[in-house]
Amino acid sequence: MTHYDPRIGEAPLPTSGELRRRRNIFTQFWIFVSTSWTMFWLAKRKH
């Protein structure tokens, strides 16, 4: 059964650079740290 939304087939595929960034553990760690830091400061400022 291969039923899927036709918009999925029309969606753009990620470039090789985007796939490399998604698989890079250091990039993912940096994104995690920066997001966590931002959420920490938002929570600290509001409470």
C-alpha atoms as a PDB file:
ATOM      1  CA  MET A   1       0.000   0.000   0.000  1.00  0.00           C
ATOM      2  CA  THR A   2       1.764   3.135  -1.175  1.00  0.00           C
ATOM      3  CA  HIS A   3      -0.782   5.800  -0.381  1.00  0.00           C
ATOM      4  CA  TYR A   4       0.744   9.187   0.357  1.00  0.00           C
ATOM      5  CA  ASP A   5      -0.119  12.833   0.015  1.00  0.00           C
ATOM      6  CA  PRO A   6       0.808  14.031  -3.507  1.00  0.00           C
ATOM      7  CA  ARG A   7       2.423  17.134  -2.013  1.00  0.00           C
ATOM      8  CA  ILE A   8       5.128  14.933  -0.507  1.00  0.00           C
ATOM      9  CA  GLY A   9       6.270  13.906  -3.984  1.00  0.00           C
ATOM     10  CA  GLU A  10       6.476  17.546  -5.043  1.00  0.00           C
ATOM     11  CA  ALA A  11       8.469  18.683  -1.997  1.00  0.00           C
ATOM     12  CA  PRO A  12      12.058  19.786  -2.663  1.00  0.00           C
ATOM     13  CA  LEU A  13      14.785  17.361  -1.666  1.00  0.00           C
ATOM     14  CA  PRO A  14      17.525  18.541   0.701  1.00  0.00           C
ATOM     15  CA  THR A  15      20.852  19.446  -0.860  1.00  0.00           C
ATOM     16  CA  SER A  16      24.027  17.530  -0.087  1.00  0.00           C
ATOM     17  CA  GLY A  17      25.186  20.395   2.141  1.00  0.00           C
ATOM     18  CA  GLU A  18      21.943  20.304   4.109  1.00  0.00           C
ATOM     19  CA  LEU A  19      22.216  16.540   4.584  1.00  0.00           C
ATOM     20  CA  ARG A  20      25.826  16.943   5.745  1.00  0.00           C
ATOM     21  CA  ARG A  21      24.750  19.565   8.313  1.00  0.00           C
ATOM     22  CA  ARG A  22      21.934  17.341   9.554  1.00  0.00           C
ATOM     23  CA  ARG A  23      24.305  14.403  10.090  1.00  0.00           C
ATOM     24  CA  ASN A  24      27.159  16.399  11.642  1.00  0.00           C
ATOM     25  CA  ILE A  25      27.245  15.688  15.380  1.00  0.00           C
ATOM     26  CA  PHE A  26      29.067  18.953  16.194  1.00  0.00           C
ATOM     27  CA  THR A  27      26.540  21.058  14.304  1.00  0.00           C
ATOM     28  CA  GLN A  28      23.676  19.281  16.043  1.00  0.00           C
ATOM     29  CA  PHE A  29      25.339  19.772  19.428  1.00  0.00           C
ATOM     30  CA  TRP A  30      25.851  23.486  18.757  1.00  0.00           C
ATOM     31  CA  ILE A  31      22.200  23.916  17.739  1.00  0.00           C
ATOM     32  CA  PHE A  32      21.126  22.082  20.902  1.00  0.00           C
ATOM     33  CA  VAL A  33      23.322  24.231  23.148  1.00  0.00           C
ATOM     34  CA  SER A  34      22.291  27.514  21.561  1.00  0.00           C
ATOM     35  CA  THR A  35      18.584  26.626  21.719  1.00  0.00           C
ATOM     36  CA  SER A  36      18.877  25.479  25.330  1.00  0.00           C
ATOM     37  CA  TRP A  37      20.784  28.627  26.271  1.00  0.00           C
ATOM     38  CA  THR A  38      18.119  30.813  24.669  1.00  0.00           C
ATOM     39  CA  MET A  39      15.294  28.967  26.432  1.00  0.00           C
ATOM     40  CA  PHE A  40      17.160  29.189  29.740  1.00  0.00           C
ATOM     41  CA  TRP A  41      17.533  32.952  29.494  1.00  0.00           C
ATOM     42  CA  LEU A  42      13.929  33.430  28.378  1.00  0.00           C
ATOM     43  CA  ALA A  43      12.700  31.405  31.356  1.00  0.00           C
ATOM     44  CA  LYS A  44      15.050  33.172  33.756  1.00  0.00           C
ATOM     45  CA  ARG A  45      13.999  36.607  32.531  1.00  0.00           C
ATOM     46  CA  LYS A  46      10.267  35.878  32.775  1.00  0.00           C
ATOM     47  CA  HIS A  47      10.303  34.259  36.255  1.00  0.00           C
END
